Amino acid sequence: MMKSFPPQHHTDAEKIEFHRLYGAWATVTPSDGRDILGDFAGPWWIAGGWALDAFTGTRRAHDDIDVAIFRHDLPELQRAVTGRLHVWSASSGALRPVNDQYPDLLDDAVQVWLREEATAPWLLDVLLNPSRNGRWVNRRNPSMTAPLDAVTWTAPDGIRYLDPEIVLIFKAKHARPKDHEDLRRTWPAMTEPRRRTLRDHLRDHHPGHEWESCTR
């Protein structure tokens, strides 16, 4: 999953500049994420590279962790972290707290960031996933909807993860070096139906994509 404005290619200089402006990210694992969310009552799931780690049983380095909830459950998230964490609206080039002074998200915000206080590192990037009639909606292709259970799976420890083909659909848009690595390590573990879903998305939304040659 993409951040709106942290550096996309993560050179050392860009990381330093980002940390100077906005602060560092803590190293957080999926089990840490469960603890941070506390008694949040809505469904939540891990997306991005961590979801592929869990699916493949392999591991790569991560700058942060992507947790997703339904956008309509944001008030429940705010309740669950009240008194522990501050919620910030993150959009293209801007951050703003979500509080009594600024109760609404920034206009193009699709995520909120959580941290304890100004000098503490960011803990979670919480993606606000759209829904329709209780169904998960693919924000890259709103015509694609499904029951949440049809696009996620649950590990033995009870943590829910986004299905690998859906993770790769999101990664295909930017296809950064880490996304290429994620495709390489995930493709061998995917079933043919999962592969077909990714192929169909590439054909319909990214014709001529460089991944087409390695997903045949």
N, C-alpha and C. Protein backbone atom coordinates (compact mmCIF):
# COMPACT_ATOMS: atom_id res chain seq x y z
N MET A 1 0.84 -1.17 0.00
CA MET A 1 0.00 0.00 0.00
C MET A 1 0.89 1.24 0.00
N MET A 2 0.43 2.28 -0.77
CA MET A 2 1.26 3.45 -0.92
C MET A 2 1.01 4.46 0.19
N LYS A 3 2.09 5.09 0.66
CA LYS A 3 1.96 6.27 1.49
C LYS A 3 1.68 7.46 0.57
N SER A 4 1.00 8.48 1.08
CA SER A 4 0.68 9.61 0.24
C SER A 4 1.88 10.50 -0.04
N PHE A 5 2.72 10.73 0.99
CA PHE A 5 3.81 11.63 0.71
C PHE A 5 5.15 11.27 1.30
N PRO A 6 5.35 10.20 2.10
CA PRO A 6 6.71 9.81 2.39
C PRO A 6 7.44 9.42 1.11
N PRO A 7 8.76 9.50 1.10
CA PRO A 7 9.51 9.19 -0.12
C PRO A 7 9.22 7.78 -0.61
N GLN A 8 8.94 7.65 -1.90
CA GLN A 8 8.54 6.38 -2.44
C GLN A 8 9.73 5.46 -2.71
N HIS A 9 10.91 6.03 -2.91
CA HIS A 9 12.05 5.18 -3.21
C HIS A 9 13.01 5.08 -2.04
N HIS A 10 12.77 5.84 -0.99
CA HIS A 10 13.44 5.65 0.29
C HIS A 10 14.96 5.67 0.18
N THR A 11 15.54 6.69 -0.47
CA THR A 11 16.98 6.87 -0.38
C THR A 11 17.30 7.36 1.03
N ASP A 12 18.55 7.20 1.43
CA ASP A 12 18.93 7.63 2.78
C ASP A 12 18.64 9.10 2.99
N ALA A 13 18.93 9.93 1.99
CA ALA A 13 18.70 11.37 2.12
C ALA A 13 17.22 11.68 2.28
N GLU A 14 16.37 10.97 1.52
CA GLU A 14 14.93 11.19 1.61
C GLU A 14 14.39 10.75 2.96
N LYS A 15 14.89 9.63 3.47
CA LYS A 15 14.45 9.18 4.79
C LYS A 15 14.80 10.20 5.86
N ILE A 16 16.02 10.74 5.78
CA ILE A 16 16.46 11.73 6.76
C ILE A 16 15.57 12.96 6.70
N GLU A 17 15.30 13.43 5.48
CA GLU A 17 14.46 14.62 5.32
C GLU A 17 13.04 14.37 5.80
N PHE A 18 12.50 13.19 5.48
CA PHE A 18 11.15 12.86 5.94
C PHE A 18 11.10 12.84 7.47
N HIS A 19 12.07 12.22 8.10
CA HIS A 19 12.09 12.14 9.56
C HIS A 19 12.23 13.52 10.19
N ARG A 20 12.99 14.41 9.55
CA ARG A 20 13.14 15.77 10.07
C ARG A 20 11.81 16.51 10.04
N LEU A 21 11.04 16.30 8.98
CA LEU A 21 9.78 17.00 8.82
C LEU A 21 8.64 16.39 9.63
N TYR A 22 8.54 15.07 9.59
CA TYR A 22 7.34 14.42 10.10
C TYR A 22 7.58 13.44 11.25
N GLY A 23 8.82 13.06 11.49
CA GLY A 23 9.12 12.11 12.55
C GLY A 23 9.34 10.71 12.01
N ALA A 24 9.94 9.89 12.83
CA ALA A 24 10.30 8.53 12.43
C ALA A 24 9.13 7.57 12.61
N TRP A 25 9.26 6.41 11.96
CA TRP A 25 8.31 5.32 12.14
C TRP A 25 8.93 4.26 13.06
N ALA A 26 8.14 3.77 13.99
CA ALA A 26 8.58 2.69 14.86
C ALA A 26 8.57 1.37 14.09
N THR A 27 9.36 0.42 14.56
CA THR A 27 9.32 -0.93 14.01
C THR A 27 8.19 -1.68 14.71
N VAL A 28 7.14 -1.97 13.96
CA VAL A 28 5.93 -2.58 14.52
C VAL A 28 5.60 -3.84 13.72
N THR A 29 5.27 -4.91 14.41
CA THR A 29 4.90 -6.17 13.78
C THR A 29 3.38 -6.33 13.81
N PRO A 30 2.83 -7.29 13.07
CA PRO A 30 1.37 -7.50 13.13
C PRO A 30 0.85 -7.75 14.55
N SER A 31 1.59 -8.51 15.35
CA SER A 31 1.12 -8.75 16.72
C SER A 31 1.17 -7.47 17.54
N ASP A 32 2.15 -6.61 17.29
CA ASP A 32 2.18 -5.31 17.95
C ASP A 32 0.95 -4.49 17.54
N GLY A 33 0.60 -4.59 16.25
CA GLY A 33 -0.57 -3.87 15.77
C GLY A 33 -1.82 -4.24 16.52
N ARG A 34 -1.97 -5.50 16.82
CA ARG A 34 -3.14 -5.95 17.58
C ARG A 34 -3.16 -5.30 18.96
N ASP A 35 -2.01 -5.21 19.60
CA ASP A 35 -1.93 -4.57 20.91
C ASP A 35 -2.24 -3.07 20.82
N ILE A 36 -1.74 -2.43 19.77
CA ILE A 36 -1.96 -1.00 19.61
C ILE A 36 -3.44 -0.69 19.40
N LEU A 37 -4.13 -1.52 18.64
CA LEU A 37 -5.55 -1.29 18.38
C LEU A 37 -6.41 -1.53 19.61
N GLY A 38 -5.88 -2.28 20.56
CA GLY A 38 -6.59 -2.48 21.82
C GLY A 38 -7.95 -3.13 21.64
N ASP A 39 -8.98 -2.49 22.14
CA ASP A 39 -10.32 -3.10 22.09
C ASP A 39 -11.13 -2.59 20.89
N PHE A 40 -10.46 -2.17 19.84
CA PHE A 40 -11.16 -1.78 18.61
C PHE A 40 -12.10 -2.91 18.19
N ALA A 41 -13.37 -2.57 18.01
CA ALA A 41 -14.39 -3.61 17.82
C ALA A 41 -14.67 -3.94 16.36
N GLY A 42 -14.19 -3.13 15.43
CA GLY A 42 -14.46 -3.39 14.02
C GLY A 42 -13.48 -4.38 13.42
N PRO A 43 -13.75 -4.88 12.23
CA PRO A 43 -12.78 -5.75 11.56
C PRO A 43 -11.55 -4.95 11.13
N TRP A 44 -10.40 -5.58 11.19
CA TRP A 44 -9.17 -4.96 10.71
C TRP A 44 -8.29 -6.05 10.13
N TRP A 45 -7.39 -5.64 9.25
CA TRP A 45 -6.53 -6.62 8.59
C TRP A 45 -5.22 -5.97 8.20
N ILE A 46 -4.20 -6.80 8.03
CA ILE A 46 -2.87 -6.35 7.63
C ILE A 46 -2.77 -6.41 6.11
N ALA A 47 -2.27 -5.34 5.51
CA ALA A 47 -2.07 -5.28 4.07
C ALA A 47 -0.59 -5.10 3.78
N GLY A 48 -0.25 -4.82 2.53
CA GLY A 48 1.13 -4.52 2.18
C GLY A 48 2.08 -5.69 2.31
N GLY A 49 3.35 -5.35 2.42
CA GLY A 49 4.40 -6.38 2.45
C GLY A 49 4.31 -7.34 3.61
N TRP A 50 3.83 -6.87 4.76
CA TRP A 50 3.69 -7.78 5.90
C TRP A 50 2.69 -8.90 5.59
N ALA A 51 1.65 -8.60 4.83
CA ALA A 51 0.69 -9.63 4.46
C ALA A 51 1.33 -10.69 3.58
N LEU A 52 2.25 -10.27 2.71
CA LEU A 52 2.96 -11.23 1.86
C LEU A 52 3.96 -12.04 2.66
N ASP A 53 4.57 -11.43 3.67
CA ASP A 53 5.44 -12.19 4.59
C ASP A 53 4.65 -13.35 5.19
N ALA A 54 3.46 -13.03 5.70
CA ALA A 54 2.66 -14.06 6.38
C ALA A 54 2.23 -15.14 5.41
N PHE A 55 1.87 -14.77 4.19
CA PHE A 55 1.39 -15.74 3.21
C PHE A 55 2.52 -16.66 2.74
N THR A 56 3.69 -16.11 2.50
CA THR A 56 4.79 -16.89 1.92
C THR A 56 5.69 -17.54 2.96
N GLY A 57 5.65 -17.05 4.19
CA GLY A 57 6.59 -17.55 5.20
C GLY A 57 7.99 -17.01 4.99
N THR A 58 8.13 -15.96 4.15
CA THR A 58 9.42 -15.30 3.94
C THR A 58 9.36 -13.93 4.59
N ARG A 59 10.47 -13.23 4.56
CA ARG A 59 10.51 -11.93 5.24
C ARG A 59 11.46 -10.99 4.51
N ARG A 60 11.05 -9.73 4.39
CA ARG A 60 11.93 -8.68 3.94
C ARG A 60 11.84 -7.52 4.92
N ALA A 61 12.72 -6.55 4.77
CA ALA A 61 12.70 -5.39 5.66
C ALA A 61 11.49 -4.51 5.34
N HIS A 62 10.96 -3.87 6.37
CA HIS A 62 9.80 -3.00 6.22
C HIS A 62 10.06 -1.67 6.91
N ASP A 63 9.61 -0.59 6.27
CA ASP A 63 9.73 0.73 6.88
C ASP A 63 8.61 0.99 7.88
N ASP A 64 7.46 0.37 7.69
CA ASP A 64 6.31 0.57 8.55
C ASP A 64 5.35 -0.59 8.34
N ILE A 65 4.15 -0.45 8.86
CA ILE A 65 3.15 -1.51 8.71
C ILE A 65 1.82 -0.89 8.31
N ASP A 66 1.12 -1.55 7.40
CA ASP A 66 -0.18 -1.08 6.92
C ASP A 66 -1.29 -1.92 7.55
N VAL A 67 -2.12 -1.26 8.33
CA VAL A 67 -3.32 -1.88 8.90
C VAL A 67 -4.52 -1.25 8.21
N ALA A 68 -5.50 -2.03 7.85
CA ALA A 68 -6.68 -1.50 7.16
C ALA A 68 -7.94 -1.73 8.01
N ILE A 69 -8.83 -0.75 7.96
CA ILE A 69 -10.15 -0.87 8.56
C ILE A 69 -11.15 -0.30 7.54
N PHE A 70 -12.42 -0.51 7.77
CA PHE A 70 -13.42 0.14 6.95
C PHE A 70 -13.50 1.63 7.34
N ARG A 71 -13.65 2.47 6.35
CA ARG A 71 -13.66 3.91 6.61
C ARG A 71 -14.76 4.29 7.60
N HIS A 72 -15.90 3.61 7.52
CA HIS A 72 -16.99 3.97 8.42
C HIS A 72 -16.70 3.60 9.87
N ASP A 73 -15.62 2.82 10.11
CA ASP A 73 -15.26 2.45 11.48
C ASP A 73 -14.24 3.40 12.10
N LEU A 74 -13.93 4.52 11.43
CA LEU A 74 -12.98 5.47 12.01
C LEU A 74 -13.42 5.97 13.39
N PRO A 75 -14.70 6.32 13.61
CA PRO A 75 -15.08 6.74 14.97
C PRO A 75 -14.79 5.68 16.02
N GLU A 76 -14.97 4.40 15.66
CA GLU A 76 -14.66 3.32 16.61
C GLU A 76 -13.15 3.26 16.89
N LEU A 77 -12.33 3.49 15.85
CA LEU A 77 -10.88 3.54 16.06
C LEU A 77 -10.52 4.68 17.00
N GLN A 78 -11.12 5.85 16.78
CA GLN A 78 -10.84 6.98 17.65
C GLN A 78 -11.21 6.66 19.10
N ARG A 79 -12.32 6.01 19.28
CA ARG A 79 -12.71 5.62 20.64
C ARG A 79 -11.69 4.68 21.26
N ALA A 80 -11.24 3.69 20.47
CA ALA A 80 -10.35 2.65 21.00
C ALA A 80 -8.99 3.20 21.41
N VAL A 81 -8.55 4.29 20.79
CA VAL A 81 -7.21 4.82 21.10
C VAL A 81 -7.27 6.08 21.95
N THR A 82 -8.46 6.56 22.28
CA THR A 82 -8.58 7.77 23.09
C THR A 82 -7.82 7.63 24.41
N GLY A 83 -7.03 8.64 24.71
CA GLY A 83 -6.23 8.62 25.93
C GLY A 83 -4.90 7.93 25.79
N ARG A 84 -4.69 7.24 24.65
CA ARG A 84 -3.43 6.55 24.42
C ARG A 84 -2.66 7.11 23.23
N LEU A 85 -3.38 7.38 22.14
CA LEU A 85 -2.74 7.78 20.89
C LEU A 85 -3.49 8.94 20.25
N HIS A 86 -2.75 9.74 19.48
CA HIS A 86 -3.35 10.78 18.68
C HIS A 86 -3.54 10.27 17.25
N VAL A 87 -4.64 10.67 16.65
CA VAL A 87 -4.98 10.28 15.28
C VAL A 87 -4.73 11.47 14.36
N TRP A 88 -3.99 11.22 13.28
CA TRP A 88 -3.67 12.26 12.30
C TRP A 88 -4.19 11.86 10.93
N SER A 89 -4.80 12.81 10.25
CA SER A 89 -5.25 12.62 8.88
C SER A 89 -4.06 12.85 7.94
N ALA A 90 -3.80 11.88 7.06
CA ALA A 90 -2.66 11.96 6.14
C ALA A 90 -3.17 11.99 4.71
N SER A 91 -2.75 13.01 3.96
CA SER A 91 -3.16 13.11 2.56
C SER A 91 -1.95 13.52 1.73
N SER A 92 -2.18 13.98 0.52
CA SER A 92 -1.09 14.31 -0.39
C SER A 92 -0.34 15.55 0.10
N GLY A 93 0.76 15.30 0.82
CA GLY A 93 1.60 16.41 1.25
C GLY A 93 1.15 17.11 2.51
N ALA A 94 0.21 16.54 3.26
CA ALA A 94 -0.29 17.23 4.45
C ALA A 94 -0.61 16.25 5.56
N LEU A 95 -0.42 16.73 6.79
CA LEU A 95 -0.82 16.00 7.99
C LEU A 95 -1.60 16.96 8.87
N ARG A 96 -2.67 16.46 9.48
CA ARG A 96 -3.45 17.29 10.39
C ARG A 96 -4.09 16.40 11.44
N PRO A 97 -4.06 16.80 12.70
CA PRO A 97 -4.70 15.98 13.73
C PRO A 97 -6.21 15.89 13.52
N VAL A 98 -6.75 14.78 13.91
CA VAL A 98 -8.21 14.62 13.92
C VAL A 98 -8.63 14.77 15.38
N ASN A 99 -9.24 15.92 15.69
CA ASN A 99 -9.58 16.22 17.08
C ASN A 99 -10.79 17.16 17.09
N ASP A 100 -11.07 17.73 18.25
CA ASP A 100 -12.24 18.61 18.34
C ASP A 100 -12.11 19.83 17.44
N GLN A 101 -10.89 20.34 17.28
CA GLN A 101 -10.68 21.50 16.42
C GLN A 101 -10.80 21.15 14.94
N TYR A 102 -10.30 19.95 14.59
CA TYR A 102 -10.35 19.48 13.21
C TYR A 102 -11.01 18.10 13.17
N PRO A 103 -12.33 18.05 13.30
CA PRO A 103 -13.00 16.74 13.39
C PRO A 103 -13.05 15.97 12.08
N ASP A 104 -12.86 16.66 10.95
CA ASP A 104 -12.99 16.02 9.65
C ASP A 104 -11.62 15.68 9.07
N LEU A 105 -11.57 14.63 8.26
CA LEU A 105 -10.35 14.27 7.56
C LEU A 105 -10.05 15.29 6.47
N LEU A 106 -8.78 15.39 6.11
CA LEU A 106 -8.41 16.16 4.93
C LEU A 106 -9.15 15.60 3.72
N ASP A 107 -9.42 16.44 2.74
CA ASP A 107 -10.31 16.07 1.64
C ASP A 107 -9.92 14.78 0.93
N ASP A 108 -8.63 14.59 0.65
CA ASP A 108 -8.22 13.41 -0.12
C ASP A 108 -7.57 12.34 0.75
N ALA A 109 -7.79 12.40 2.04
CA ALA A 109 -7.15 11.44 2.95
C ALA A 109 -7.75 10.05 2.79
N VAL A 110 -6.89 9.05 2.64
CA VAL A 110 -7.33 7.67 2.59
C VAL A 110 -6.71 6.87 3.73
N GLN A 111 -6.04 7.57 4.66
CA GLN A 111 -5.43 6.88 5.78
C GLN A 111 -5.28 7.84 6.95
N VAL A 112 -5.11 7.25 8.13
CA VAL A 112 -4.76 8.02 9.31
C VAL A 112 -3.52 7.40 9.94
N TRP A 113 -2.73 8.24 10.57
CA TRP A 113 -1.52 7.78 11.25
C TRP A 113 -1.71 7.92 12.75
N LEU A 114 -1.13 7.00 13.49
CA LEU A 114 -1.28 6.99 14.94
C LEU A 114 0.09 7.12 15.62
N ARG A 115 0.14 7.98 16.64
CA ARG A 115 1.34 8.05 17.48
C ARG A 115 0.92 8.55 18.85
N GLU A 116 1.83 8.36 19.83
CA GLU A 116 1.50 8.71 21.20
C GLU A 116 1.51 10.21 21.42
N GLU A 117 2.57 10.88 20.97
CA GLU A 117 2.68 12.33 21.11
C GLU A 117 3.75 12.83 20.14
N ALA A 118 3.98 14.15 20.13
CA ALA A 118 4.76 14.77 19.07
C ALA A 118 6.18 14.24 18.95
N THR A 119 6.81 13.88 20.05
CA THR A 119 8.20 13.41 19.98
C THR A 119 8.31 11.90 19.84
N ALA A 120 7.18 11.21 19.82
CA ALA A 120 7.17 9.75 19.69
C ALA A 120 7.09 9.34 18.23
N PRO A 121 7.60 8.16 17.87
CA PRO A 121 7.50 7.71 16.48
C PRO A 121 6.07 7.35 16.11
N TRP A 122 5.80 7.40 14.81
CA TRP A 122 4.52 6.92 14.30
C TRP A 122 4.44 5.41 14.49
N LEU A 123 3.28 4.93 14.88
CA LEU A 123 3.11 3.50 15.16
C LEU A 123 2.39 2.76 14.04
N LEU A 124 1.26 3.29 13.60
CA LEU A 124 0.47 2.60 12.59
C LEU A 124 0.02 3.57 11.51
N ASP A 125 0.06 3.09 10.27
CA ASP A 125 -0.61 3.73 9.15
C ASP A 125 -1.89 2.93 8.93
N VAL A 126 -3.02 3.53 9.25
CA VAL A 126 -4.30 2.83 9.16
C VAL A 126 -5.00 3.26 7.88
N LEU A 127 -5.12 2.33 6.94
CA LEU A 127 -5.78 2.58 5.67
C LEU A 127 -7.29 2.51 5.85
N LEU A 128 -7.98 3.50 5.31
CA LEU A 128 -9.44 3.58 5.46
C LEU A 128 -10.08 3.02 4.20
N ASN A 129 -10.45 1.77 4.26
CA ASN A 129 -10.95 1.07 3.08
C ASN A 129 -12.43 1.39 2.85
N PRO A 130 -12.82 1.72 1.63
CA PRO A 130 -14.24 1.95 1.36
C PRO A 130 -15.04 0.66 1.47
N SER A 131 -16.32 0.82 1.68
CA SER A 131 -17.23 -0.33 1.73
C SER A 131 -18.53 0.06 1.04
N ARG A 132 -19.29 -0.96 0.67
CA ARG A 132 -20.58 -0.74 0.05
C ARG A 132 -21.52 -1.84 0.49
N ASN A 133 -22.57 -1.47 1.19
CA ASN A 133 -23.55 -2.45 1.69
C ASN A 133 -22.86 -3.55 2.49
N GLY A 134 -21.89 -3.14 3.29
CA GLY A 134 -21.19 -4.08 4.15
C GLY A 134 -20.09 -4.87 3.47
N ARG A 135 -19.85 -4.63 2.19
CA ARG A 135 -18.85 -5.36 1.43
C ARG A 135 -17.57 -4.54 1.26
N TRP A 136 -16.45 -5.24 1.22
CA TRP A 136 -15.16 -4.63 0.91
C TRP A 136 -15.18 -4.11 -0.52
N VAL A 137 -14.60 -2.94 -0.74
CA VAL A 137 -14.51 -2.33 -2.07
C VAL A 137 -13.03 -2.09 -2.39
N ASN A 138 -12.62 -2.49 -3.57
CA ASN A 138 -11.26 -2.22 -4.02
C ASN A 138 -11.19 -0.75 -4.45
N ARG A 139 -10.43 0.07 -3.71
CA ARG A 139 -10.42 1.50 -4.03
C ARG A 139 -9.71 1.79 -5.34
N ARG A 140 -8.92 0.85 -5.85
CA ARG A 140 -8.31 1.04 -7.16
C ARG A 140 -9.26 0.65 -8.29
N ASN A 141 -10.26 -0.14 -7.96
CA ASN A 141 -11.25 -0.58 -8.95
C ASN A 141 -12.57 -0.76 -8.22
N PRO A 142 -13.31 0.34 -8.00
CA PRO A 142 -14.53 0.29 -7.18
C PRO A 142 -15.60 -0.69 -7.66
N SER A 143 -15.49 -1.15 -8.91
CA SER A 143 -16.45 -2.15 -9.38
C SER A 143 -16.18 -3.52 -8.75
N MET A 144 -15.00 -3.70 -8.15
CA MET A 144 -14.63 -4.96 -7.52
C MET A 144 -15.02 -4.91 -6.05
N THR A 145 -16.04 -5.65 -5.68
CA THR A 145 -16.49 -5.73 -4.29
C THR A 145 -16.58 -7.19 -3.89
N ALA A 146 -16.53 -7.43 -2.58
CA ALA A 146 -16.59 -8.80 -2.08
C ALA A 146 -16.83 -8.78 -0.58
N PRO A 147 -17.39 -9.85 -0.03
CA PRO A 147 -17.40 -9.98 1.43
C PRO A 147 -15.96 -9.95 1.93
N LEU A 148 -15.73 -9.36 3.07
CA LEU A 148 -14.36 -9.24 3.59
C LEU A 148 -13.69 -10.61 3.70
N ASP A 149 -14.44 -11.63 4.09
CA ASP A 149 -13.87 -12.97 4.23
C ASP A 149 -13.39 -13.54 2.90
N ALA A 150 -13.88 -13.00 1.77
CA ALA A 150 -13.49 -13.53 0.46
C ALA A 150 -12.18 -12.93 -0.04
N VAL A 151 -11.70 -11.85 0.60
CA VAL A 151 -10.46 -11.22 0.14
C VAL A 151 -9.41 -11.16 1.25
N THR A 152 -9.68 -11.85 2.35
CA THR A 152 -8.72 -11.92 3.45
C THR A 152 -8.63 -13.35 3.95
N TRP A 153 -7.58 -13.63 4.69
CA TRP A 153 -7.44 -14.93 5.34
C TRP A 153 -6.91 -14.69 6.75
N THR A 154 -7.13 -15.65 7.63
CA THR A 154 -6.77 -15.49 9.03
C THR A 154 -5.71 -16.50 9.43
N ALA A 155 -4.62 -16.02 9.99
CA ALA A 155 -3.51 -16.86 10.43
C ALA A 155 -3.89 -17.58 11.73
N PRO A 156 -3.14 -18.62 12.11
CA PRO A 156 -3.46 -19.34 13.34
C PRO A 156 -3.49 -18.47 14.59
N ASP A 157 -2.75 -17.36 14.58
CA ASP A 157 -2.75 -16.49 15.76
C ASP A 157 -3.94 -15.53 15.78
N GLY A 158 -4.83 -15.67 14.80
CA GLY A 158 -6.04 -14.86 14.77
C GLY A 158 -5.93 -13.55 14.02
N ILE A 159 -4.75 -13.22 13.49
CA ILE A 159 -4.58 -11.97 12.75
C ILE A 159 -5.03 -12.17 11.30
N ARG A 160 -5.80 -11.24 10.81
CA ARG A 160 -6.35 -11.30 9.46
C ARG A 160 -5.42 -10.56 8.49
N TYR A 161 -5.24 -11.14 7.30
CA TYR A 161 -4.36 -10.55 6.28
C TYR A 161 -5.11 -10.43 4.95
N LEU A 162 -4.77 -9.40 4.19
CA LEU A 162 -5.32 -9.25 2.85
C LEU A 162 -4.74 -10.33 1.94
N ASP A 163 -5.57 -10.89 1.06
CA ASP A 163 -5.11 -11.94 0.15
C ASP A 163 -3.96 -11.43 -0.72
N PRO A 164 -3.01 -12.32 -1.05
CA PRO A 164 -1.80 -11.86 -1.77
C PRO A 164 -2.08 -11.25 -3.13
N GLU A 165 -3.03 -11.79 -3.87
CA GLU A 165 -3.30 -11.22 -5.19
C GLU A 165 -3.85 -9.80 -5.09
N ILE A 166 -4.59 -9.51 -4.01
CA ILE A 166 -5.11 -8.16 -3.81
C ILE A 166 -3.97 -7.22 -3.42
N VAL A 167 -3.09 -7.70 -2.55
CA VAL A 167 -1.91 -6.89 -2.20
C VAL A 167 -1.13 -6.52 -3.46
N LEU A 168 -0.91 -7.50 -4.33
CA LEU A 168 -0.13 -7.25 -5.54
C LEU A 168 -0.87 -6.36 -6.53
N ILE A 169 -2.19 -6.40 -6.54
CA ILE A 169 -2.96 -5.47 -7.36
C ILE A 169 -2.65 -4.04 -6.97
N PHE A 170 -2.58 -3.78 -5.67
CA PHE A 170 -2.25 -2.43 -5.21
C PHE A 170 -0.81 -2.06 -5.54
N LYS A 171 0.08 -3.04 -5.45
CA LYS A 171 1.49 -2.77 -5.70
C LYS A 171 1.80 -2.56 -7.18
N ALA A 172 0.96 -3.10 -8.06
CA ALA A 172 1.24 -3.03 -9.50
C ALA A 172 1.27 -1.60 -10.02
N LYS A 173 0.52 -0.70 -9.41
CA LYS A 173 0.43 0.66 -9.93
C LYS A 173 1.79 1.33 -9.96
N HIS A 174 2.60 1.13 -8.91
CA HIS A 174 3.87 1.84 -8.81
C HIS A 174 5.06 0.95 -9.14
N ALA A 175 4.94 -0.34 -8.84
CA ALA A 175 5.98 -1.31 -9.21
C ALA A 175 7.37 -0.82 -8.85
N ARG A 176 7.57 -0.48 -7.58
CA ARG A 176 8.88 -0.09 -7.08
C ARG A 176 9.76 -1.33 -6.93
N PRO A 177 11.05 -1.16 -6.68
CA PRO A 177 11.91 -2.34 -6.51
C PRO A 177 11.39 -3.32 -5.45
N LYS A 178 10.88 -2.82 -4.33
CA LYS A 178 10.39 -3.74 -3.31
C LYS A 178 9.12 -4.47 -3.78
N ASP A 179 8.35 -3.83 -4.66
CA ASP A 179 7.16 -4.49 -5.20
C ASP A 179 7.54 -5.61 -6.16
N HIS A 180 8.59 -5.39 -6.96
CA HIS A 180 9.10 -6.46 -7.82
C HIS A 180 9.55 -7.65 -6.97
N GLU A 181 10.24 -7.35 -5.87
CA GLU A 181 10.70 -8.42 -4.99
C GLU A 181 9.50 -9.14 -4.37
N ASP A 182 8.47 -8.39 -4.01
CA ASP A 182 7.28 -9.02 -3.43
C ASP A 182 6.60 -9.94 -4.43
N LEU A 183 6.52 -9.52 -5.69
CA LEU A 183 5.94 -10.39 -6.72
C LEU A 183 6.79 -11.65 -6.88
N ARG A 184 8.10 -11.48 -6.94
CA ARG A 184 9.00 -12.62 -7.15
C ARG A 184 8.85 -13.66 -6.05
N ARG A 185 8.72 -13.23 -4.80
CA ARG A 185 8.68 -14.20 -3.72
C ARG A 185 7.27 -14.76 -3.47
N THR A 186 6.26 -14.06 -3.99
CA THR A 186 4.88 -14.49 -3.73
C THR A 186 4.31 -15.35 -4.85
N TRP A 187 4.67 -15.06 -6.09
CA TRP A 187 4.09 -15.75 -7.24
C TRP A 187 4.16 -17.28 -7.12
N PRO A 188 5.31 -17.87 -6.74
CA PRO A 188 5.38 -19.34 -6.67
C PRO A 188 4.40 -19.96 -5.68
N ALA A 189 3.99 -19.20 -4.66
CA ALA A 189 3.10 -19.74 -3.63
C ALA A 189 1.62 -19.54 -3.94
N MET A 190 1.31 -18.85 -5.04
CA MET A 190 -0.08 -18.54 -5.37
C MET A 190 -0.72 -19.64 -6.20
N THR A 191 -1.98 -19.91 -5.93
CA THR A 191 -2.74 -20.87 -6.73
C THR A 191 -3.10 -20.23 -8.08
N GLU A 192 -3.54 -21.05 -9.01
CA GLU A 192 -3.90 -20.53 -10.33
C GLU A 192 -5.05 -19.52 -10.25
N PRO A 193 -6.11 -19.75 -9.43
CA PRO A 193 -7.15 -18.72 -9.35
C PRO A 193 -6.62 -17.38 -8.83
N ARG A 194 -5.70 -17.42 -7.88
CA ARG A 194 -5.13 -16.16 -7.39
C ARG A 194 -4.32 -15.49 -8.50
N ARG A 195 -3.55 -16.28 -9.23
CA ARG A 195 -2.76 -15.71 -10.32
C ARG A 195 -3.67 -15.11 -11.39
N ARG A 196 -4.77 -15.78 -11.66
CA ARG A 196 -5.69 -15.29 -12.70
C ARG A 196 -6.27 -13.93 -12.31
N THR A 197 -6.58 -13.76 -11.03
CA THR A 197 -7.11 -12.47 -10.57
C THR A 197 -6.12 -11.35 -10.84
N LEU A 198 -4.85 -11.60 -10.53
CA LEU A 198 -3.83 -10.59 -10.78
C LEU A 198 -3.65 -10.34 -12.27
N ARG A 199 -3.61 -11.40 -13.06
CA ARG A 199 -3.46 -11.25 -14.52
C ARG A 199 -4.61 -10.41 -15.09
N ASP A 200 -5.83 -10.73 -14.67
CA ASP A 200 -6.99 -10.02 -15.19
C ASP A 200 -6.91 -8.53 -14.85
N HIS A 201 -6.47 -8.23 -13.63
CA HIS A 201 -6.35 -6.83 -13.23
C HIS A 201 -5.31 -6.11 -14.08
N LEU A 202 -4.16 -6.74 -14.29
CA LEU A 202 -3.12 -6.13 -15.11
C LEU A 202 -3.62 -5.87 -16.53
N ARG A 203 -4.32 -6.85 -17.09
CA ARG A 203 -4.83 -6.71 -18.45
C ARG A 203 -5.84 -5.57 -18.55
N ASP A 204 -6.72 -5.47 -17.56
CA ASP A 204 -7.81 -4.51 -17.64
C ASP A 204 -7.41 -3.09 -17.23
N HIS A 205 -6.45 -2.98 -16.30
CA HIS A 205 -6.14 -1.67 -15.73
C HIS A 205 -4.73 -1.18 -16.02
N HIS A 206 -3.83 -2.09 -16.38
CA HIS A 206 -2.45 -1.69 -16.68
C HIS A 206 -1.97 -2.43 -17.94
N PRO A 207 -2.64 -2.24 -19.07
CA PRO A 207 -2.21 -2.95 -20.28
C PRO A 207 -0.76 -2.63 -20.62
N GLY A 208 -0.01 -3.68 -20.96
CA GLY A 208 1.41 -3.50 -21.26
C GLY A 208 2.29 -3.40 -20.03
N HIS A 209 1.72 -3.68 -18.85
CA HIS A 209 2.50 -3.60 -17.61
C HIS A 209 3.69 -4.56 -17.66
N GLU A 210 4.81 -4.13 -17.08
CA GLU A 210 6.01 -4.97 -17.10
C GLU A 210 5.83 -6.29 -16.38
N TRP A 211 4.84 -6.40 -15.51
CA TRP A 211 4.61 -7.66 -14.81
C TRP A 211 3.92 -8.70 -15.69
N GLU A 212 3.34 -8.30 -16.79
CA GLU A 212 2.61 -9.24 -17.61
C GLU A 212 3.50 -10.40 -18.09
N SER A 213 4.74 -10.08 -18.39
CA SER A 213 5.64 -11.13 -18.91
C SER A 213 6.02 -12.16 -17.86
N CYS A 214 5.97 -11.77 -16.59
CA CYS A 214 6.38 -12.73 -15.54
C CYS A 214 5.19 -13.32 -14.80
N THR A 215 3.96 -13.05 -15.28
CA THR A 215 2.79 -13.64 -14.65
C THR A 215 2.02 -14.53 -15.63
N ARG A 216 2.65 -14.91 -16.71
CA ARG A 216 1.98 -15.78 -17.68
C ARG A 216 2.08 -17.24 -17.26
